Amino acid sequence: MSDAAVSLNSITKVYKRSHLGKTTLIPGVKDITFTVAPGEVFGLLGLNGSGKTTTLKLLLGLLFPTSGEARLFGKPAGSRAAKETLGYLPEIPYFYRHLTGHEVLSFYGSLSGLSSDSLRRRVDAVLEEVRMTAAARRPMREYSKGMLQRIGLAQAMLHNPRLLVFDEPVTGLDPLGLREMRVIIQNLNDAGKTVLFSSHSISEVEKLCHRVGVLVKGQLVRVVNRAEWTGGDPLEDIFVRTVDPEGRRS
């Protein structure tokens, strides 16, 4: 779909490992197809090793598919035009801890090509959006996990992208941090942004997402609409039945 914010069409990724002259093929993800509409919040759920991060890296252009294609707003994943449309928060963002939050955002904003005037305005604006204005001049080594995640979100938001991609954005957060992250993501969506994120937190996915894709062993086995868990079984029950249909892990 050319009008989709995200489009993955039969994406497959196979890794090659060579050792002592022998090449081993390791499956990453297989034949994944889904779209995300503009203005949608779409979640990826799956057990460890199910292919969530690989899927995100393929649509970001950080990995190249073995077959299939990914597009962002109709532009090939990995192209400059596609990258200009998105902001990305990895699962474990790395920052220079001796710098302040404000300095880090100014640095990343300059890398993205923002002019001096635009950079100052955007840094102040995103700090306010993620509720970090008061702590912006403190060195990041003093920040909690939740504060670091919010600076990571601010970095992703700096150039005002249409699409935000987050890899496990709530991992390791305490209850207050979870709530803060949820509010920020909801505000982004209310402002018309498209959000795609992976998570282990079913409760957060349930509260935020319009649809959820369930990955099992590198394959997208089901896409669940919000109406299915608001009008029927809880998302947790749907997820468990999908990834463990025979109840082997019960």
Foldseek 3Di string as FASTA:
>chain_A
DLQFQKWWAQFWAWDWDDDPRDIDIHTQAGGATDTHHFLFEEEEEEDPSLRFVVVVCQQQVVDPTPDTFMDGSNHGHPDPVSNLQWFEQEPDDDDDQQAFLLVRLLVLLVVVPDDPVLSVVLSVVLCVLLVNPVRRRPGNVPDDPLNVLSSSVSSRCRSPHQEYEYEASCPPPDPVSLVSVLVSLQVCSVVRHYYYYYHNDLVSCLVRGQKYFYGENNYGDDIGGNCPCVVHPHPVVVNCCRRPVPPPVD
